[in-house]
Amino acid sequence: MGFSALLHPQNKETGQKLGIATALMFTLPFVAFYISMKVFEHKPSPENWAGAVAIVVTNIIVGGYCYVAYIEDRDDLNDEDGPRKGASKQRVD
């Protein structure tokens, strides 16, 4: 099971999104940290500032991944099959 489930055609798009998010989580916080070290080198504790920037970048990536997963779930809903009433429904007939 495991990794082969992501290679199934039905899960290909989800696997791609997971791979992109994983690559971003591995690279962007490090890049942000070292760039911030150069930007904040004249401040008293540049490591603290750079660490904070790396944490913010990590949270942005996680939030973006959650948002994309939420939107993907909402796109799968077919309005014709669902209930005619509800907080998230726009259809009223």
PDB file of N, CA and C in Angstrom:
ATOM      1  N   MET A   1       0.861  -1.178   0.000  1.00  0.00           N
ATOM      2  CA  MET A   1       0.000   0.000   0.000  1.00  0.00           C
ATOM      3  C   MET A   1       0.898   1.229   0.000  1.00  0.00           C
ATOM      4  N   GLY A   2       1.004   1.959   1.055  1.00  0.00           N
ATOM      5  CA  GLY A   2       1.916   3.077   1.261  1.00  0.00           C
ATOM      6  C   GLY A   2       2.073   4.032   0.097  1.00  0.00           C
ATOM      7  N   PHE A   3       3.309   4.118  -0.403  1.00  0.00           N
ATOM      8  CA  PHE A   3       3.658   5.082  -1.441  1.00  0.00           C
ATOM      9  C   PHE A   3       2.975   4.783  -2.768  1.00  0.00           C
ATOM     10  N   SER A   4       2.708   3.525  -3.053  1.00  0.00           N
ATOM     11  CA  SER A   4       2.094   3.163  -4.334  1.00  0.00           C
ATOM     12  C   SER A   4       0.682   3.723  -4.464  1.00  0.00           C
ATOM     13  N   ALA A   5       0.022   4.006  -3.343  1.00  0.00           N
ATOM     14  CA  ALA A   5      -1.319   4.587  -3.396  1.00  0.00           C
ATOM     15  C   ALA A   5      -1.285   5.984  -4.008  1.00  0.00           C
ATOM     16  N   LEU A   6      -0.198   6.721  -3.803  1.00  0.00           N
ATOM     17  CA  LEU A   6      -0.091   8.065  -4.383  1.00  0.00           C
ATOM     18  C   LEU A   6       0.162   8.022  -5.881  1.00  0.00           C
ATOM     19  N   LEU A   7       0.656   6.900  -6.384  1.00  0.00           N
ATOM     20  CA  LEU A   7       0.940   6.785  -7.809  1.00  0.00           C
ATOM     21  C   LEU A   7      -0.274   6.358  -8.611  1.00  0.00           C
ATOM     22  N   HIS A   8      -1.333   5.985  -7.944  1.00  0.00           N
ATOM     23  CA  HIS A   8      -2.566   5.607  -8.634  1.00  0.00           C
ATOM     24  C   HIS A   8      -3.109   6.830  -9.365  1.00  0.00           C
ATOM     25  N   PRO A   9      -3.621   6.654 -10.592  1.00  0.00           N
ATOM     26  CA  PRO A   9      -4.097   7.820 -11.366  1.00  0.00           C
ATOM     27  C   PRO A   9      -5.120   8.684 -10.624  1.00  0.00           C
ATOM     28  N   GLN A  10      -5.932   8.062  -9.798  1.00  0.00           N
ATOM     29  CA  GLN A  10      -6.942   8.811  -9.058  1.00  0.00           C
ATOM     30  C   GLN A  10      -6.302   9.747  -8.029  1.00  0.00           C
ATOM     31  N   ASN A  11      -5.145   9.375  -7.515  1.00  0.00           N
ATOM     32  CA  ASN A  11      -4.476  10.151  -6.469  1.00  0.00           C
ATOM     33  C   ASN A  11      -3.288  10.948  -6.984  1.00  0.00           C
ATOM     34  N   LYS A  12      -3.094  10.994  -8.276  1.00  0.00           N
ATOM     35  CA  LYS A  12      -1.904  11.634  -8.834  1.00  0.00           C
ATOM     36  C   LYS A  12      -1.824  13.119  -8.468  1.00  0.00           C
ATOM     37  N   GLU A  13      -2.927  13.824  -8.594  1.00  0.00           N
ATOM     38  CA  GLU A  13      -2.934  15.264  -8.294  1.00  0.00           C
ATOM     39  C   GLU A  13      -2.641  15.521  -6.812  1.00  0.00           C
ATOM     40  N   THR A  14      -3.210  14.693  -5.946  1.00  0.00           N
ATOM     41  CA  THR A  14      -2.952  14.825  -4.514  1.00  0.00           C
ATOM     42  C   THR A  14      -1.492  14.539  -4.198  1.00  0.00           C
ATOM     43  N   GLY A  15      -0.933  13.528  -4.843  1.00  0.00           N
ATOM     44  CA  GLY A  15       0.478  13.203  -4.643  1.00  0.00           C
ATOM     45  C   GLY A  15       1.393  14.326  -5.097  1.00  0.00           C
ATOM     46  N   GLN A  16       1.022  14.974  -6.205  1.00  0.00           N
ATOM     47  CA  GLN A  16       1.819  16.103  -6.688  1.00  0.00           C
ATOM     48  C   GLN A  16       1.776  17.260  -5.696  1.00  0.00           C
ATOM     49  N   LYS A  17       0.603  17.548  -5.164  1.00  0.00           N
ATOM     50  CA  LYS A  17       0.480  18.636  -4.184  1.00  0.00           C
ATOM     51  C   LYS A  17       1.278  18.327  -2.922  1.00  0.00           C
ATOM     52  N   LEU A  18       1.231  17.072  -2.488  1.00  0.00           N
ATOM     53  CA  LEU A  18       2.000  16.672  -1.312  1.00  0.00           C
ATOM     54  C   LEU A  18       3.498  16.778  -1.576  1.00  0.00           C
ATOM     55  N   GLY A  19       3.927  16.378  -2.766  1.00  0.00           N
ATOM     56  CA  GLY A  19       5.344  16.474  -3.115  1.00  0.00           C
ATOM     57  C   GLY A  19       5.827  17.912  -3.170  1.00  0.00           C
ATOM     58  N   ILE A  20       5.015  18.788  -3.741  1.00  0.00           N
ATOM     59  CA  ILE A  20       5.381  20.206  -3.812  1.00  0.00           C
ATOM     60  C   ILE A  20       5.455  20.805  -2.406  1.00  0.00           C
ATOM     61  N   ALA A  21       4.461  20.501  -1.576  1.00  0.00           N
ATOM     62  CA  ALA A  21       4.468  21.031  -0.209  1.00  0.00           C
ATOM     63  C   ALA A  21       5.667  20.505   0.578  1.00  0.00           C
ATOM     64  N   THR A  22       6.010  19.241   0.371  1.00  0.00           N
ATOM     65  CA  THR A  22       7.165  18.666   1.063  1.00  0.00           C
ATOM     66  C   THR A  22       8.457  19.341   0.624  1.00  0.00           C
ATOM     67  N   ALA A  23       8.597  19.558  -0.677  1.00  0.00           N
ATOM     68  CA  ALA A  23       9.800  20.226  -1.188  1.00  0.00           C
ATOM     69  C   ALA A  23       9.895  21.658  -0.663  1.00  0.00           C
ATOM     70  N   LEU A  24       8.766  22.357  -0.635  1.00  0.00           N
ATOM     71  CA  LEU A  24       8.769  23.723  -0.107  1.00  0.00           C
ATOM     72  C   LEU A  24       9.099  23.740   1.384  1.00  0.00           C
ATOM     73  N   MET A  25       8.565  22.782   2.136  1.00  0.00           N
ATOM     74  CA  MET A  25       8.846  22.717   3.575  1.00  0.00           C
ATOM     75  C   MET A  25      10.313  22.414   3.847  1.00  0.00           C
ATOM     76  N   PHE A  26      10.960  21.720   2.934  1.00  0.00           N
ATOM     77  CA  PHE A  26      12.362  21.375   3.131  1.00  0.00           C
ATOM     78  C   PHE A  26      13.292  22.511   2.726  1.00  0.00           C
ATOM     79  N   THR A  27      12.922  23.295   1.719  1.00  0.00           N
ATOM     80  CA  THR A  27      13.851  24.291   1.188  1.00  0.00           C
ATOM     81  C   THR A  27      13.584  25.721   1.668  1.00  0.00           C
ATOM     82  N   LEU A  28      12.349  26.182   1.590  1.00  0.00           N
ATOM     83  CA  LEU A  28      12.077  27.602   1.852  1.00  0.00           C
ATOM     84  C   LEU A  28      12.446  28.078   3.264  1.00  0.00           C
ATOM     85  N   PRO A  29      12.182  27.318   4.329  1.00  0.00           N
ATOM     86  CA  PRO A  29      12.605  27.820   5.647  1.00  0.00           C
ATOM     87  C   PRO A  29      14.116  28.007   5.763  1.00  0.00           C
ATOM     88  N   PHE A  30      14.901  27.104   5.159  1.00  0.00           N
ATOM     89  CA  PHE A  30      16.361  27.262   5.181  1.00  0.00           C
ATOM     90  C   PHE A  30      16.790  28.493   4.386  1.00  0.00           C
ATOM     91  N   VAL A  31      16.206  28.659   3.212  1.00  0.00           N
ATOM     92  CA  VAL A  31      16.535  29.822   2.379  1.00  0.00           C
ATOM     93  C   VAL A  31      16.155  31.107   3.111  1.00  0.00           C
ATOM     94  N   ALA A  32      14.957  31.125   3.693  1.00  0.00           N
ATOM     95  CA  ALA A  32      14.510  32.311   4.422  1.00  0.00           C
ATOM     96  C   ALA A  32      15.415  32.600   5.620  1.00  0.00           C
ATOM     97  N   PHE A  33      15.867  31.551   6.295  1.00  0.00           N
ATOM     98  CA  PHE A  33      16.745  31.734   7.452  1.00  0.00           C
ATOM     99  C   PHE A  33      18.053  32.400   7.043  1.00  0.00           C
ATOM    100  N   TYR A  34      18.698  31.877   6.006  1.00  0.00           N
ATOM    101  CA  TYR A  34      20.009  32.416   5.632  1.00  0.00           C
ATOM    102  C   TYR A  34      19.909  33.794   4.974  1.00  0.00           C
ATOM    103  N   ILE A  35      18.858  34.042   4.235  1.00  0.00           N
ATOM    104  CA  ILE A  35      18.659  35.391   3.691  1.00  0.00           C
ATOM    105  C   ILE A  35      18.395  36.374   4.833  1.00  0.00           C
ATOM    106  N   SER A  36      17.592  35.951   5.805  1.00  0.00           N
ATOM    107  CA  SER A  36      17.300  36.820   6.950  1.00  0.00           C
ATOM    108  C   SER A  36      18.535  37.073   7.800  1.00  0.00           C
ATOM    109  N   MET A  37      19.425  36.101   7.864  1.00  0.00           N
ATOM    110  CA  MET A  37      20.685  36.314   8.596  1.00  0.00           C
ATOM    111  C   MET A  37      21.470  37.465   7.975  1.00  0.00           C
ATOM    112  N   LYS A  38      21.472  37.546   6.651  1.00  0.00           N
ATOM    113  CA  LYS A  38      22.167  38.650   5.973  1.00  0.00           C
ATOM    114  C   LYS A  38      21.423  39.971   6.160  1.00  0.00           C
ATOM    115  N   VAL A  39      20.096  39.918   6.094  1.00  0.00           N
ATOM    116  CA  VAL A  39      19.300  41.143   6.223  1.00  0.00           C
ATOM    117  C   VAL A  39      19.411  41.720   7.632  1.00  0.00           C
ATOM    118  N   PHE A  40      19.369  40.856   8.641  1.00  0.00           N
ATOM    119  CA  PHE A  40      19.368  41.305  10.035  1.00  0.00           C
ATOM    120  C   PHE A  40      20.741  41.215  10.697  1.00  0.00           C
ATOM    121  N   GLU A  41      21.816  41.189   9.928  1.00  0.00           N
ATOM    122  CA  GLU A  41      23.140  41.003  10.517  1.00  0.00           C
ATOM    123  C   GLU A  41      23.573  42.164  11.419  1.00  0.00           C
ATOM    124  N   HIS A  42      22.965  43.330  11.260  1.00  0.00           N
ATOM    125  CA  HIS A  42      23.348  44.478  12.085  1.00  0.00           C
ATOM    126  C   HIS A  42      22.474  44.620  13.331  1.00  0.00           C
ATOM    127  N   LYS A  43      21.511  43.752  13.504  1.00  0.00           N
ATOM    128  CA  LYS A  43      20.684  43.768  14.713  1.00  0.00           C
ATOM    129  C   LYS A  43      21.407  42.994  15.816  1.00  0.00           C
ATOM    130  N   PRO A  44      21.002  43.195  17.072  1.00  0.00           N
ATOM    131  CA  PRO A  44      21.704  42.537  18.184  1.00  0.00           C
ATOM    132  C   PRO A  44      21.706  41.003  18.127  1.00  0.00           C
ATOM    133  N   SER A  45      20.597  40.388  17.784  1.00  0.00           N
ATOM    134  CA  SER A  45      20.517  38.917  17.735  1.00  0.00           C
ATOM    135  C   SER A  45      19.951  38.489  16.386  1.00  0.00           C
ATOM    136  N   PRO A  46      20.769  38.441  15.352  1.00  0.00           N
ATOM    137  CA  PRO A  46      20.234  38.114  14.026  1.00  0.00           C
ATOM    138  C   PRO A  46      19.688  36.690  13.934  1.00  0.00           C
ATOM    139  N   GLU A  47      20.191  35.770  14.776  1.00  0.00           N
ATOM    140  CA  GLU A  47      19.696  34.395  14.742  1.00  0.00           C
ATOM    141  C   GLU A  47      18.234  34.321  15.165  1.00  0.00           C
ATOM    142  N   ASN A  48      17.870  35.138  16.151  1.00  0.00           N
ATOM    143  CA  ASN A  48      16.480  35.150  16.611  1.00  0.00           C
ATOM    144  C   ASN A  48      15.549  35.669  15.524  1.00  0.00           C
ATOM    145  N   TRP A  49      15.939  36.741  14.868  1.00  0.00           N
ATOM    146  CA  TRP A  49      15.125  37.306  13.797  1.00  0.00           C
ATOM    147  C   TRP A  49      15.014  36.330  12.628  1.00  0.00           C
ATOM    148  N   ALA A  50      16.126  35.724  12.261  1.00  0.00           N
ATOM    149  CA  ALA A  50      16.116  34.780  11.147  1.00  0.00           C
ATOM    150  C   ALA A  50      15.287  33.542  11.484  1.00  0.00           C
ATOM    151  N   GLY A  51      15.372  33.091  12.727  1.00  0.00           N
ATOM    152  CA  GLY A  51      14.548  31.957  13.154  1.00  0.00           C
ATOM    153  C   GLY A  51      13.071  32.282  13.106  1.00  0.00           C
ATOM    154  N   ALA A  52      12.722  33.494  13.511  1.00  0.00           N
ATOM    155  CA  ALA A  52      11.319  33.911  13.457  1.00  0.00           C
ATOM    156  C   ALA A  52      10.818  33.960  12.018  1.00  0.00           C
ATOM    157  N   VAL A  53      11.641  34.457  11.110  1.00  0.00           N
ATOM    158  CA  VAL A  53      11.251  34.501   9.696  1.00  0.00           C
ATOM    159  C   VAL A  53      11.063  33.089   9.155  1.00  0.00           C
ATOM    160  N   ALA A  54      11.949  32.171   9.515  1.00  0.00           N
ATOM    161  CA  ALA A  54      11.819  30.781   9.067  1.00  0.00           C
ATOM    162  C   ALA A  54      10.539  30.148   9.603  1.00  0.00           C
ATOM    163  N   ILE A  55      10.186  30.463  10.836  1.00  0.00           N
ATOM    164  CA  ILE A  55       8.944  29.939  11.413  1.00  0.00           C
ATOM    165  C   ILE A  55       7.732  30.495  10.685  1.00  0.00           C
ATOM    166  N   VAL A  56       7.749  31.790  10.378  1.00  0.00           N
ATOM    167  CA  VAL A  56       6.638  32.400   9.644  1.00  0.00           C
ATOM    168  C   VAL A  56       6.504  31.770   8.261  1.00  0.00           C
ATOM    169  N   VAL A  57       7.615  31.560   7.576  1.00  0.00           N
ATOM    170  CA  VAL A  57       7.581  30.932   6.250  1.00  0.00           C
ATOM    171  C   VAL A  57       7.013  29.518   6.350  1.00  0.00           C
ATOM    172  N   THR A  58       7.416  28.772   7.366  1.00  0.00           N
ATOM    173  CA  THR A  58       6.893  27.419   7.561  1.00  0.00           C
ATOM    174  C   THR A  58       5.389  27.440   7.785  1.00  0.00           C
ATOM    175  N   ASN A  59       4.915  28.368   8.600  1.00  0.00           N
ATOM    176  CA  ASN A  59       3.478  28.465   8.850  1.00  0.00           C
ATOM    177  C   ASN A  59       2.708  28.874   7.604  1.00  0.00           C
ATOM    178  N   ILE A  60       3.283  29.716   6.778  1.00  0.00           N
ATOM    179  CA  ILE A  60       2.634  30.100   5.521  1.00  0.00           C
ATOM    180  C   ILE A  60       2.505  28.889   4.602  1.00  0.00           C
ATOM    181  N   ILE A  61       3.533  28.066   4.535  1.00  0.00           N
ATOM    182  CA  ILE A  61       3.485  26.868   3.690  1.00  0.00           C
ATOM    183  C   ILE A  61       2.418  25.899   4.196  1.00  0.00           C
ATOM    184  N   VAL A  62       2.385  25.669   5.501  1.00  0.00           N
ATOM    185  CA  VAL A  62       1.385  24.759   6.070  1.00  0.00           C
ATOM    186  C   VAL A  62      -0.022  25.311   5.847  1.00  0.00           C
ATOM    187  N   GLY A  63      -0.206  26.593   6.070  1.00  0.00           N
ATOM    188  CA  GLY A  63      -1.510  27.208   5.829  1.00  0.00           C
ATOM    189  C   GLY A  63      -1.930  27.125   4.377  1.00  0.00           C
ATOM    190  N   GLY A  64      -0.986  27.339   3.472  1.00  0.00           N
ATOM    191  CA  GLY A  64      -1.291  27.222   2.047  1.00  0.00           C
ATOM    192  C   GLY A  64      -1.676  25.813   1.661  1.00  0.00           C
ATOM    193  N   TYR A  65      -0.985  24.829   2.215  1.00  0.00           N
ATOM    194  CA  TYR A  65      -1.319  23.432   1.925  1.00  0.00           C
ATOM    195  C   TYR A  65      -2.711  23.093   2.454  1.00  0.00           C
ATOM    196  N   CYS A  66      -3.038  23.557   3.649  1.00  0.00           N
ATOM    197  CA  CYS A  66      -4.370  23.315   4.212  1.00  0.00           C
ATOM    198  C   CYS A  66      -5.451  23.997   3.383  1.00  0.00           C
ATOM    199  N   TYR A  67      -5.176  25.206   2.927  1.00  0.00           N
ATOM    200  CA  TYR A  67      -6.143  25.924   2.100  1.00  0.00           C
ATOM    201  C   TYR A  67      -6.389  25.195   0.782  1.00  0.00           C
ATOM    202  N   VAL A  68      -5.318  24.743   0.147  1.00  0.00           N
ATOM    203  CA  VAL A  68      -5.459  24.011  -1.117  1.00  0.00           C
ATOM    204  C   VAL A  68      -6.233  22.715  -0.892  1.00  0.00           C
ATOM    205  N   ALA A  69      -5.973  22.021   0.212  1.00  0.00           N
ATOM    206  CA  ALA A  69      -6.709  20.793   0.517  1.00  0.00           C
ATOM    207  C   ALA A  69      -8.184  21.093   0.772  1.00  0.00           C
ATOM    208  N   TYR A  70      -8.479  22.201   1.421  1.00  0.00           N
ATOM    209  CA  TYR A  70      -9.868  22.585   1.677  1.00  0.00           C
ATOM    210  C   TYR A  70     -10.589  22.916   0.380  1.00  0.00           C
ATOM    211  N   ILE A  71      -9.946  23.666  -0.486  1.00  0.00           N
ATOM    212  CA  ILE A  71     -10.549  24.027  -1.770  1.00  0.00           C
ATOM    213  C   ILE A  71     -10.763  22.786  -2.627  1.00  0.00           C
ATOM    214  N   GLU A  72      -9.817  21.855  -2.590  1.00  0.00           N
ATOM    215  CA  GLU A  72      -9.952  20.619  -3.362  1.00  0.00           C
ATOM    216  C   GLU A  72     -11.179  19.840  -2.898  1.00  0.00           C
ATOM    217  N   ASP A  73     -11.410  19.806  -1.594  1.00  0.00           N
ATOM    218  CA  ASP A  73     -12.556  19.091  -1.048  1.00  0.00           C
ATOM    219  C   ASP A  73     -13.860  19.752  -1.472  1.00  0.00           C
ATOM    220  N   ARG A  74     -13.893  21.065  -1.502  1.00  0.00           N
ATOM    221  CA  ARG A  74     -15.115  21.778  -1.894  1.00  0.00           C
ATOM    222  C   ARG A  74     -15.381  21.659  -3.389  1.00  0.00           C
ATOM    223  N   ASP A  75     -14.336  21.532  -4.197  1.00  0.00           N
ATOM    224  CA  ASP A  75     -14.524  21.385  -5.637  1.00  0.00           C
ATOM    225  C   ASP A  75     -15.145  20.048  -5.994  1.00  0.00           C
ATOM    226  N   ASP A  76     -14.940  19.045  -5.150  1.00  0.00           N
ATOM    227  CA  ASP A  76     -15.475  17.718  -5.433  1.00  0.00           C
ATOM    228  C   ASP A  76     -16.967  17.619  -5.169  1.00  0.00           C
ATOM    229  N   LEU A  77     -17.506  18.549  -4.425  1.00  0.00           N
ATOM    230  CA  LEU A  77     -18.927  18.496  -4.110  1.00  0.00           C
ATOM    231  C   LEU A  77     -19.753  18.872  -5.330  1.00  0.00           C
ATOM    232  N   ASN A  78     -20.743  18.060  -5.625  1.00  0.00           N
ATOM    233  CA  ASN A  78     -21.649  18.354  -6.727  1.00  0.00           C
ATOM    234  C   ASN A  78     -22.905  18.974  -6.135  1.00  0.00           C
ATOM    235  N   ASP A  79     -23.246  20.159  -6.560  1.00  0.00           N
ATOM    236  CA  ASP A  79     -24.370  20.890  -5.995  1.00  0.00           C
ATOM    237  C   ASP A  79     -25.696  20.196  -6.276  1.00  0.00           C
ATOM    238  N   GLU A  80     -25.793  19.492  -7.377  1.00  0.00           N
ATOM    239  CA  GLU A  80     -27.042  18.825  -7.726  1.00  0.00           C
ATOM    240  C   GLU A  80     -27.329  17.646  -6.799  1.00  0.00           C
ATOM    241  N   ASP A  81     -26.300  16.987  -6.307  1.00  0.00           N
ATOM    242  CA  ASP A  81     -26.488  15.811  -5.464  1.00  0.00           C
ATOM    243  C   ASP A  81     -26.695  16.165  -3.997  1.00  0.00           C
ATOM    244  N   GLY A  82     -26.307  17.345  -3.598  1.00  0.00           N
ATOM    245  CA  GLY A  82     -26.342  17.718  -2.193  1.00  0.00           C
ATOM    246  C   GLY A  82     -27.690  18.247  -1.755  1.00  0.00           C
ATOM    247  N   PRO A  83     -27.785  18.611  -0.485  1.00  0.00           N
ATOM    248  CA  PRO A  83     -29.036  19.178   0.025  1.00  0.00           C
ATOM    249  C   PRO A  83     -29.287  20.562  -0.557  1.00  0.00           C
ATOM    250  N   ARG A  84     -30.540  20.945  -0.594  1.00  0.00           N
ATOM    251  CA  ARG A  84     -30.903  22.238  -1.173  1.00  0.00           C
ATOM    252  C   ARG A  84     -30.777  23.373  -0.157  1.00  0.00           C
ATOM    253  N   LYS A  85     -30.608  23.057   1.101  1.00  0.00           N
ATOM    254  CA  LYS A  85     -30.479  24.072   2.141  1.00  0.00           C
ATOM    255  C   LYS A  85     -29.181  23.844   2.892  1.00  0.00           C
ATOM    256  N   GLY A  86     -28.650  24.899   3.472  1.00  0.00           N
ATOM    257  CA  GLY A  86     -27.445  24.777   4.282  1.00  0.00           C
ATOM    258  C   GLY A  86     -26.662  26.070   4.273  1.00  0.00           C
ATOM    259  N   ALA A  87     -25.742  26.194   5.212  1.00  0.00           N
ATOM    260  CA  ALA A  87     -24.974  27.425   5.375  1.00  0.00           C
ATOM    261  C   ALA A  87     -24.054  27.690   4.195  1.00  0.00           C
ATOM    262  N   SER A  88     -23.501  26.635   3.596  1.00  0.00           N
ATOM    263  CA  SER A  88     -22.543  26.844   2.510  1.00  0.00           C
ATOM    264  C   SER A  88     -23.169  26.716   1.128  1.00  0.00           C
ATOM    265  N   LYS A  89     -24.468  26.503   1.053  1.00  0.00           N
ATOM    266  CA  LYS A  89     -25.128  26.365  -0.249  1.00  0.00           C
ATOM    267  C   LYS A  89     -25.557  27.730  -0.766  1.00  0.00           C
ATOM    268  N   GLN A  90     -25.395  27.933  -2.060  1.00  0.00           N
ATOM    269  CA  GLN A  90     -25.825  29.183  -2.678  1.00  0.00           C
ATOM    270  C   GLN A  90     -27.156  29.001  -3.392  1.00  0.00           C
ATOM    271  N   ARG A  91     -27.501  27.790  -3.631  1.00  0.00           N
ATOM    272  CA  ARG A  91     -28.690  27.472  -4.405  1.00  0.00           C
ATOM    273  C   ARG A  91     -29.931  27.516  -3.515  1.00  0.00           C
ATOM    274  N   VAL A  92     -30.959  28.211  -3.934  1.00  0.00           N
ATOM    275  CA  VAL A  92     -32.213  28.269  -3.187  1.00  0.00           C
ATOM    276  C   VAL A  92     -33.351  28.091  -4.180  1.00  0.00           C
ATOM    277  N   ASP A  93     -34.007  26.906  -4.115  1.00  0.00           N
ATOM    278  CA  ASP A  93     -35.178  26.700  -4.982  1.00  0.00           C
ATOM    279  C   ASP A  93     -36.165  25.750  -4.384  1.00  0.00           C
TER     280      ASP A  93
END
